[in-house]
N, C-alpha and C. Protein backbone atom coordinates (compact mmCIF):
# COMPACT_ATOMS: atom_id res chain seq x y z
N MET A 1 0.84 -1.08 0.05
CA MET A 1 0.08 -0.08 0.05
C MET A 1 0.88 1.31 -0.05
N THR A 2 0.63 2.24 -0.96
CA THR A 2 1.32 3.32 -1.08
C THR A 2 0.55 4.51 -0.61
N ALA A 3 1.31 5.39 -0.05
CA ALA A 3 0.74 6.67 0.34
C ALA A 3 0.45 7.66 -0.63
N LYS A 4 -0.67 8.30 -0.84
CA LYS A 4 -0.79 9.19 -1.87
C LYS A 4 -0.12 10.57 -1.58
N PRO A 5 0.47 11.02 -2.57
CA PRO A 5 1.21 12.53 -2.39
C PRO A 5 0.14 13.60 -1.94
N ALA A 6 0.66 14.52 -1.20
CA ALA A 6 -0.27 15.49 -0.79
C ALA A 6 -0.48 16.60 -1.90
N PRO A 7 -1.60 17.00 -2.27
CA PRO A 7 -1.84 17.86 -3.41
C PRO A 7 -1.03 19.07 -3.25
N ASN A 8 -0.57 19.67 -4.59
CA ASN A 8 0.22 20.80 -4.61
C ASN A 8 -0.57 21.80 -4.82
N PRO A 9 -0.89 22.96 -3.90
CA PRO A 9 -1.73 24.12 -4.00
C PRO A 9 -1.37 24.90 -5.08
N ASP A 10 -0.20 24.82 -5.63
CA ASP A 10 0.27 25.64 -6.70
C ASP A 10 -0.21 25.12 -8.04
N VAL A 11 -0.74 24.04 -8.21
CA VAL A 11 -1.15 23.23 -9.47
C VAL A 11 -2.41 23.81 -9.71
N THR A 12 -2.75 24.25 -10.82
CA THR A 12 -4.15 24.56 -11.08
C THR A 12 -5.15 23.40 -11.13
N ARG A 13 -6.41 23.67 -10.89
CA ARG A 13 -7.31 22.61 -10.67
C ARG A 13 -7.66 21.98 -12.15
N ALA A 14 -8.36 21.04 -12.12
CA ALA A 14 -8.79 20.44 -13.46
C ALA A 14 -9.73 21.29 -14.16
N SER A 15 -10.60 22.22 -13.48
CA SER A 15 -11.33 23.01 -14.08
C SER A 15 -10.70 24.26 -14.63
N GLY A 16 -9.40 24.51 -14.36
CA GLY A 16 -8.62 25.56 -14.78
C GLY A 16 -8.53 26.74 -13.86
N ALA A 17 -9.37 26.57 -12.74
CA ALA A 17 -9.33 27.65 -11.83
C ALA A 17 -8.09 27.58 -10.98
N LYS A 18 -7.67 28.49 -10.37
CA LYS A 18 -6.51 28.45 -9.44
C LYS A 18 -7.11 28.16 -8.06
N PRO A 19 -6.46 27.66 -7.34
CA PRO A 19 -7.13 27.36 -5.75
C PRO A 19 -7.19 28.60 -5.17
N ARG A 20 -8.13 28.73 -4.28
CA ARG A 20 -8.53 30.00 -3.54
C ARG A 20 -7.73 30.27 -2.55
N ARG A 21 -7.09 31.49 -2.60
CA ARG A 21 -6.16 31.84 -1.47
C ARG A 21 -6.91 32.49 -0.31
N GLU A 22 -6.65 32.16 0.91
CA GLU A 22 -7.27 32.45 2.08
C GLU A 22 -6.72 34.11 2.15
N MET A 23 -7.70 34.88 2.60
CA MET A 23 -7.38 36.16 2.97
C MET A 23 -6.94 36.27 4.48
N PRO A 24 -5.99 37.01 4.79
CA PRO A 24 -5.44 36.95 6.23
C PRO A 24 -6.60 37.52 7.09
N ALA A 25 -6.47 37.02 8.46
CA ALA A 25 -7.45 37.18 9.37
C ALA A 25 -7.67 38.78 9.69
N LYS A 26 -6.49 39.43 9.51
CA LYS A 26 -6.58 40.86 9.82
C LYS A 26 -7.68 41.74 8.96
N TYR A 27 -7.68 41.20 7.77
CA TYR A 27 -8.64 41.73 6.85
C TYR A 27 -9.87 41.42 7.18
N HIS A 28 -10.22 40.10 7.53
CA HIS A 28 -11.44 39.64 8.10
C HIS A 28 -12.03 40.22 9.20
N ARG A 29 -10.95 40.55 10.16
CA ARG A 29 -11.42 41.22 11.46
C ARG A 29 -11.68 42.62 11.06
N ALA A 30 -10.98 43.41 10.14
CA ALA A 30 -11.48 44.75 9.70
C ALA A 30 -12.87 44.71 9.12
N VAL A 31 -13.22 43.79 8.23
CA VAL A 31 -14.53 43.71 7.82
C VAL A 31 -15.50 43.31 8.69
N VAL A 32 -15.21 42.62 9.69
CA VAL A 32 -16.44 42.13 10.69
C VAL A 32 -16.52 43.50 11.67
N ASN A 33 -15.51 44.08 11.90
CA ASN A 33 -15.49 45.15 12.75
C ASN A 33 -16.39 46.36 12.05
N GLY A 34 -16.04 46.45 10.96
CA GLY A 34 -16.81 47.43 9.93
C GLY A 34 -18.34 47.27 9.89
N ALA A 35 -18.58 45.82 9.76
CA ALA A 35 -19.93 45.37 9.64
C ALA A 35 -20.56 45.53 10.99
N MET A 36 -19.90 45.54 12.10
CA MET A 36 -20.53 45.72 13.60
C MET A 36 -20.84 47.23 13.61
N VAL A 37 -19.98 48.08 13.11
CA VAL A 37 -20.21 49.48 13.49
C VAL A 37 -21.27 49.95 12.49
N LEU A 38 -21.40 49.48 11.21
CA LEU A 38 -22.41 49.96 10.26
C LEU A 38 -23.78 49.32 10.93
N GLY A 39 -23.93 48.16 11.60
CA GLY A 39 -25.03 47.50 12.08
C GLY A 39 -25.26 48.45 13.15
N ALA A 40 -24.50 48.92 13.97
CA ALA A 40 -24.68 49.83 15.08
C ALA A 40 -25.45 51.27 14.61
N VAL A 41 -24.84 51.57 13.67
CA VAL A 41 -25.53 52.89 13.03
C VAL A 41 -26.81 52.62 12.64
N LEU A 42 -27.03 51.46 11.98
CA LEU A 42 -28.45 51.19 11.51
C LEU A 42 -29.45 50.96 12.80
N VAL A 43 -28.98 50.35 13.76
CA VAL A 43 -29.95 50.37 14.88
C VAL A 43 -30.07 51.65 15.69
N ALA A 44 -28.95 52.58 15.63
CA ALA A 44 -29.28 53.98 16.17
C ALA A 44 -30.15 54.70 15.35
N ALA A 45 -30.18 54.45 14.02
CA ALA A 45 -30.99 55.20 12.84
C ALA A 45 -32.44 54.82 13.17
N SER A 46 -32.67 53.42 13.43
CA SER A 46 -34.14 53.00 13.87
C SER A 46 -34.67 53.66 15.08
N GLY A 47 -33.69 53.94 16.06
CA GLY A 47 -34.08 54.45 17.26
C GLY A 47 -34.35 55.84 17.15
N THR A 48 -33.70 56.64 16.39
CA THR A 48 -33.76 58.09 15.84
C THR A 48 -35.13 58.09 15.39
N ILE A 49 -35.60 57.33 14.30
CA ILE A 49 -36.82 57.42 13.66
C ILE A 49 -37.90 57.23 14.65
N HIS A 50 -37.92 56.19 15.60
CA HIS A 50 -38.93 56.07 16.61
C HIS A 50 -38.98 57.22 17.52
N LEU A 51 -37.72 57.83 18.15
CA LEU A 51 -37.68 58.88 18.95
C LEU A 51 -38.46 60.20 18.20
N HIS A 52 -38.09 60.25 16.93
CA HIS A 52 -38.64 61.52 16.03
C HIS A 52 -40.21 61.38 16.12
N LEU A 53 -40.62 60.28 15.74
CA LEU A 53 -42.13 60.00 15.66
C LEU A 53 -42.71 59.96 17.18
N TRP A 54 -42.05 59.55 17.99
CA TRP A 54 -42.57 59.72 19.39
C TRP A 54 -42.73 61.33 19.72
N MET A 55 -41.68 62.16 19.54
CA MET A 55 -41.67 63.46 19.71
C MET A 55 -42.93 64.13 18.88
N GLY A 56 -43.02 63.66 17.67
CA GLY A 56 -43.93 64.30 16.83
C GLY A 56 -45.45 63.96 16.99
N GLY A 57 -45.78 63.24 18.06
CA GLY A 57 -47.15 63.01 18.36
C GLY A 57 -47.63 61.63 18.65
N TYR A 58 -46.61 60.52 18.42
CA TYR A 58 -47.03 59.13 18.67
C TYR A 58 -47.00 59.03 20.12
N ARG A 59 -46.33 59.93 20.94
CA ARG A 59 -46.31 59.85 22.30
C ARG A 59 -47.83 59.82 23.09
N ASN A 60 -48.65 60.42 22.17
CA ASN A 60 -50.02 60.56 22.60
C ASN A 60 -50.97 59.49 22.19
N ILE A 61 -50.36 58.37 21.79
CA ILE A 61 -51.23 57.25 21.52
C ILE A 61 -51.01 56.25 22.57
N HIS A 62 -52.20 55.77 23.10
CA HIS A 62 -52.08 55.01 24.12
C HIS A 62 -51.33 53.69 23.98
N ILE A 63 -50.43 53.30 24.96
CA ILE A 63 -49.64 51.96 24.84
C ILE A 63 -48.73 52.13 23.62
N ILE A 64 -49.01 52.42 22.44
CA ILE A 64 -48.09 52.66 21.37
C ILE A 64 -46.79 53.64 21.59
N GLY A 65 -47.47 54.86 22.14
CA GLY A 65 -46.31 56.01 22.28
C GLY A 65 -45.40 55.41 23.32
N PRO A 66 -45.47 54.86 24.62
CA PRO A 66 -44.35 54.23 25.30
C PRO A 66 -43.57 53.31 24.64
N MET A 67 -44.30 52.45 23.73
CA MET A 67 -43.67 51.55 23.09
C MET A 67 -42.52 52.03 21.94
N PHE A 68 -42.81 53.09 21.49
CA PHE A 68 -42.02 53.89 20.64
C PHE A 68 -40.83 54.48 21.54
N LEU A 69 -40.92 55.01 22.67
CA LEU A 69 -39.96 55.41 23.37
C LEU A 69 -39.08 54.44 23.67
N ALA A 70 -39.70 53.28 24.22
CA ALA A 70 -38.77 52.25 24.69
C ALA A 70 -37.93 51.58 23.60
N GLN A 71 -38.60 51.67 22.33
CA GLN A 71 -37.67 50.99 21.21
C GLN A 71 -36.52 51.98 21.02
N ALA A 72 -36.94 53.28 21.07
CA ALA A 72 -35.68 54.35 20.73
C ALA A 72 -34.56 54.18 21.97
N ILE A 73 -34.95 54.10 23.17
CA ILE A 73 -33.98 53.85 24.26
C ILE A 73 -33.17 52.77 24.20
N SER A 74 -33.96 51.56 23.77
CA SER A 74 -33.37 50.27 23.70
C SER A 74 -32.31 50.30 22.50
N ALA A 75 -32.72 50.77 21.40
CA ALA A 75 -32.00 51.03 20.07
C ALA A 75 -30.61 51.71 20.64
N PHE A 76 -30.70 52.87 21.16
CA PHE A 76 -29.43 53.57 21.32
C PHE A 76 -28.63 52.95 22.35
N ALA A 77 -29.03 52.16 23.35
CA ALA A 77 -28.29 51.38 24.34
C ALA A 77 -27.57 50.09 23.53
N ILE A 78 -28.31 49.52 22.60
CA ILE A 78 -27.92 48.46 22.00
C ILE A 78 -26.71 48.73 20.99
N ALA A 79 -27.04 50.00 20.31
CA ALA A 79 -26.23 50.42 19.17
C ALA A 79 -24.76 50.92 19.99
N ILE A 80 -24.85 51.42 20.92
CA ILE A 80 -23.59 51.86 21.48
C ILE A 80 -22.95 50.41 22.09
N ALA A 81 -23.55 49.55 22.87
CA ALA A 81 -22.93 48.24 23.08
C ALA A 81 -22.33 47.51 22.01
N ILE A 82 -22.89 47.43 20.83
CA ILE A 82 -22.42 46.87 19.57
C ILE A 82 -21.17 47.49 19.10
N ALA A 83 -21.28 48.90 18.97
CA ALA A 83 -20.09 49.77 18.35
C ALA A 83 -18.69 49.41 19.44
N VAL A 84 -19.02 49.51 20.84
CA VAL A 84 -18.07 49.52 21.63
C VAL A 84 -17.51 47.89 21.82
N LEU A 85 -18.32 46.98 22.13
CA LEU A 85 -17.93 45.72 22.41
C LEU A 85 -17.63 44.87 21.26
N ARG A 86 -18.53 45.03 20.22
CA ARG A 86 -18.39 44.27 19.01
C ARG A 86 -18.52 42.73 19.12
N TRP A 87 -19.45 42.23 20.13
CA TRP A 87 -19.79 40.88 20.23
C TRP A 87 -20.76 40.38 19.43
N ALA A 88 -20.67 39.21 19.12
CA ALA A 88 -21.49 38.46 18.10
C ALA A 88 -22.89 38.39 18.80
N THR A 89 -23.05 38.14 20.22
CA THR A 89 -24.33 38.03 20.78
C THR A 89 -25.06 39.45 20.76
N LEU A 90 -24.32 40.46 20.93
CA LEU A 90 -24.86 41.82 20.90
C LEU A 90 -25.34 42.06 19.45
N ALA A 91 -24.68 41.65 18.40
CA ALA A 91 -25.06 41.90 16.93
C ALA A 91 -26.33 41.16 16.83
N LEU A 92 -26.50 39.76 17.43
CA LEU A 92 -27.78 39.18 17.26
C LEU A 92 -28.96 39.88 18.07
N VAL A 93 -28.62 40.51 19.16
CA VAL A 93 -29.51 41.17 19.70
C VAL A 93 -30.15 42.39 19.19
N GLY A 94 -29.02 43.05 18.52
CA GLY A 94 -29.59 44.15 17.73
C GLY A 94 -30.47 43.72 16.49
N ALA A 95 -30.02 42.63 15.93
CA ALA A 95 -30.92 42.13 14.88
C ALA A 95 -32.27 41.81 15.30
N ALA A 96 -32.37 41.08 16.46
CA ALA A 96 -33.63 40.64 17.07
C ALA A 96 -34.41 41.94 17.41
N LEU A 97 -33.97 42.97 17.85
CA LEU A 97 -34.67 44.28 18.14
C LEU A 97 -35.17 44.75 16.72
N LEU A 98 -34.32 44.87 15.93
CA LEU A 98 -34.96 45.33 14.42
C LEU A 98 -35.97 44.52 13.64
N ALA A 99 -35.72 43.07 14.03
CA ALA A 99 -36.67 42.09 13.61
C ALA A 99 -38.21 42.27 14.23
N GLY A 100 -37.97 42.54 15.37
CA GLY A 100 -39.29 42.99 16.45
C GLY A 100 -39.95 44.01 16.00
N THR A 101 -39.12 45.10 15.71
CA THR A 101 -39.64 46.60 15.08
C THR A 101 -40.34 46.40 13.80
N ILE A 102 -39.84 45.52 12.90
CA ILE A 102 -40.41 45.33 11.79
C ILE A 102 -41.65 44.50 11.85
N GLY A 103 -41.73 43.42 12.82
CA GLY A 103 -42.87 42.66 13.15
C GLY A 103 -43.85 43.62 13.71
N GLY A 104 -43.51 44.56 14.54
CA GLY A 104 -44.45 45.45 15.26
C GLY A 104 -45.17 46.34 14.20
N LEU A 105 -44.31 46.80 13.29
CA LEU A 105 -45.04 47.86 12.17
C LEU A 105 -45.83 46.99 11.32
N LEU A 106 -45.58 45.83 10.76
CA LEU A 106 -46.55 45.08 9.93
C LEU A 106 -47.57 44.61 10.76
N ALA A 107 -47.51 44.15 11.91
CA ALA A 107 -48.70 43.84 12.65
C ALA A 107 -49.78 44.85 12.89
N THR A 108 -49.16 46.14 13.16
CA THR A 108 -49.95 47.32 13.19
C THR A 108 -50.61 47.75 11.96
N VAL A 109 -49.94 47.49 10.82
CA VAL A 109 -50.63 47.77 9.39
C VAL A 109 -51.43 46.76 9.14
N TRP A 110 -51.27 45.55 9.21
CA TRP A 110 -52.18 44.31 8.81
C TRP A 110 -53.44 44.18 9.89
N HIS A 111 -53.12 44.38 11.06
CA HIS A 111 -54.35 43.88 11.89
C HIS A 111 -54.59 44.99 12.79
N GLY A 112 -53.76 45.93 13.26
CA GLY A 112 -53.91 46.93 14.33
C GLY A 112 -53.38 46.32 15.66
N VAL A 113 -53.00 46.98 16.42
CA VAL A 113 -52.37 46.77 17.83
C VAL A 113 -52.79 47.70 18.84
N PHE A 114 -53.40 47.08 19.97
CA PHE A 114 -53.98 48.02 21.08
C PHE A 114 -54.90 49.12 20.45
N GLY A 115 -55.67 48.64 19.45
CA GLY A 115 -56.61 49.60 18.87
C GLY A 115 -56.15 50.75 18.12
N PHE A 116 -54.86 50.37 17.74
CA PHE A 116 -54.18 51.30 16.63
C PHE A 116 -53.92 50.76 15.34
N GLN A 117 -54.26 51.51 14.30
CA GLN A 117 -54.00 50.79 13.01
C GLN A 117 -53.07 51.98 12.39
N ASP A 118 -51.91 51.38 11.77
CA ASP A 118 -51.11 52.33 11.08
C ASP A 118 -51.12 51.80 9.52
N SER A 119 -50.32 52.58 8.73
CA SER A 119 -50.23 52.20 7.35
C SER A 119 -48.82 52.30 6.82
N LEU A 120 -48.45 51.63 5.77
CA LEU A 120 -47.04 51.85 5.18
C LEU A 120 -47.00 53.12 4.49
N GLY A 121 -47.91 53.90 4.39
CA GLY A 121 -47.99 55.23 3.92
C GLY A 121 -47.52 56.24 5.05
N ALA A 122 -47.46 55.87 6.34
CA ALA A 122 -47.09 56.69 7.53
C ALA A 122 -45.63 57.13 7.32
N PRO A 123 -45.59 58.41 7.88
CA PRO A 123 -44.08 58.97 7.82
C PRO A 123 -42.96 58.10 8.39
N TYR A 124 -41.93 57.83 7.39
CA TYR A 124 -40.75 57.09 7.79
C TYR A 124 -41.12 55.48 7.84
N ALA A 125 -42.26 55.26 7.45
CA ALA A 125 -42.45 53.62 7.30
C ALA A 125 -41.47 52.88 6.41
N GLY A 126 -41.56 53.35 5.11
CA GLY A 126 -40.57 52.83 4.17
C GLY A 126 -39.23 52.87 4.55
N LEU A 127 -38.78 53.96 4.97
CA LEU A 127 -37.42 54.20 5.31
C LEU A 127 -36.99 53.17 6.53
N SER A 128 -37.91 53.07 7.35
CA SER A 128 -37.59 52.27 8.66
C SER A 128 -37.47 50.82 8.36
N LEU A 129 -38.46 50.39 7.43
CA LEU A 129 -38.44 48.98 6.94
C LEU A 129 -37.13 48.82 6.35
N PHE A 130 -36.71 49.62 5.36
CA PHE A 130 -35.33 49.47 4.65
C PHE A 130 -34.21 49.37 5.43
N MET A 131 -34.12 50.26 6.41
CA MET A 131 -32.87 50.46 7.34
C MET A 131 -32.83 49.17 8.15
N GLU A 132 -34.15 48.88 8.74
CA GLU A 132 -34.16 47.84 9.77
C GLU A 132 -34.02 46.40 9.01
N GLY A 133 -34.41 46.21 7.80
CA GLY A 133 -34.08 45.05 7.00
C GLY A 133 -32.47 44.93 6.85
N ALA A 134 -31.96 46.05 6.38
CA ALA A 134 -30.41 45.93 5.99
C ALA A 134 -29.78 45.85 7.29
N GLY A 135 -30.28 46.46 8.43
CA GLY A 135 -29.50 45.92 9.68
C GLY A 135 -29.49 44.89 10.09
N ILE A 136 -30.65 44.10 9.93
CA ILE A 136 -30.64 42.62 10.22
C ILE A 136 -29.71 41.69 9.51
N VAL A 137 -29.53 42.08 8.02
CA VAL A 137 -28.54 41.52 7.36
C VAL A 137 -27.15 41.58 7.71
N VAL A 138 -26.85 42.96 7.93
CA VAL A 138 -25.48 43.29 8.27
C VAL A 138 -25.19 42.60 9.60
N LEU A 139 -25.97 42.70 10.64
CA LEU A 139 -25.69 42.28 12.05
C LEU A 139 -25.66 40.78 12.01
N VAL A 140 -26.33 40.10 11.30
CA VAL A 140 -26.36 38.70 11.32
C VAL A 140 -25.10 38.15 10.75
N SER A 141 -24.68 39.02 9.50
CA SER A 141 -23.47 38.50 8.91
C SER A 141 -22.13 38.89 9.77
N ALA A 142 -22.42 40.12 10.47
CA ALA A 142 -21.19 40.38 11.40
C ALA A 142 -21.13 39.34 12.55
N ALA A 143 -22.07 38.81 13.14
CA ALA A 143 -22.17 37.87 14.22
C ALA A 143 -21.59 36.80 13.49
N PHE A 144 -21.88 36.27 12.41
CA PHE A 144 -21.42 34.99 11.89
C PHE A 144 -19.83 35.19 11.60
N GLY A 145 -19.40 36.31 11.01
CA GLY A 145 -17.90 36.67 10.85
C GLY A 145 -17.25 36.45 12.09
N ARG A 146 -17.57 37.21 13.19
CA ARG A 146 -17.04 37.15 14.47
C ARG A 146 -17.00 35.85 15.09
N TYR A 147 -17.99 35.01 14.84
CA TYR A 147 -17.91 33.65 15.28
C TYR A 147 -16.81 32.75 14.50
N GLN A 148 -16.81 33.06 13.31
CA GLN A 148 -15.52 32.44 12.46
C GLN A 148 -14.29 32.86 12.88
N LEU A 149 -14.13 34.09 13.18
CA LEU A 149 -12.85 34.56 13.60
C LEU A 149 -12.57 33.78 15.02
N ARG A 150 -13.51 33.83 15.96
CA ARG A 150 -13.42 33.15 17.25
C ARG A 150 -12.94 31.76 17.08
N ARG A 151 -13.61 31.13 16.07
CA ARG A 151 -13.20 29.62 15.93
C ARG A 151 -11.83 29.37 15.29
N GLY A 152 -11.26 30.57 14.75
CA GLY A 152 -9.99 30.36 14.19
C GLY A 152 -10.08 29.80 12.77
N ARG A 153 -11.39 30.03 12.20
CA ARG A 153 -11.70 29.67 10.86
C ARG A 153 -10.79 30.22 9.77
N TRP A 154 -10.47 31.39 9.98
CA TRP A 154 -9.63 32.06 9.06
C TRP A 154 -8.19 32.07 9.52
N GLN A 155 -7.15 32.03 8.58
CA GLN A 155 -5.83 31.84 8.91
C GLN A 155 -5.31 33.11 9.56
N THR A 156 -4.48 33.29 10.42
CA THR A 156 -3.81 34.50 10.81
C THR A 156 -2.43 34.43 10.06
N THR A 157 -2.21 35.61 9.45
CA THR A 157 -1.02 35.86 8.74
C THR A 157 -0.75 37.63 8.87
């Protein structure tokens, strides 16, 4: 029984494509950190929209008003924590907050909540949905990237 020789990474593959080279971990770390900061900005932007709407009259809506204020305060606190600590768990908490905010808006539009019915034509509804959806994608990706870095998945050079 003979041992097979180790594959030569410099030899092109049968398909003609060169083997994929790993990007050093420092570049992955920079991309993940950038995604964390971008995600934190999107969470804070969602909080800003909700605070603006609360100050503009939503504070007078029974139960919904305090929920807008709570969302804004939570968004700012979570955004700061994500930007400073850059933990995967915090990124997922931010994504969950944004998903819950989208769910709350859609429930209010489709069914009404606590006797309040909103519409997608409401001020900032479209912008809010877009930013929160983008925030979810960015934060989940950042959390996955942080997890991969922690597991030593990417080489360190």
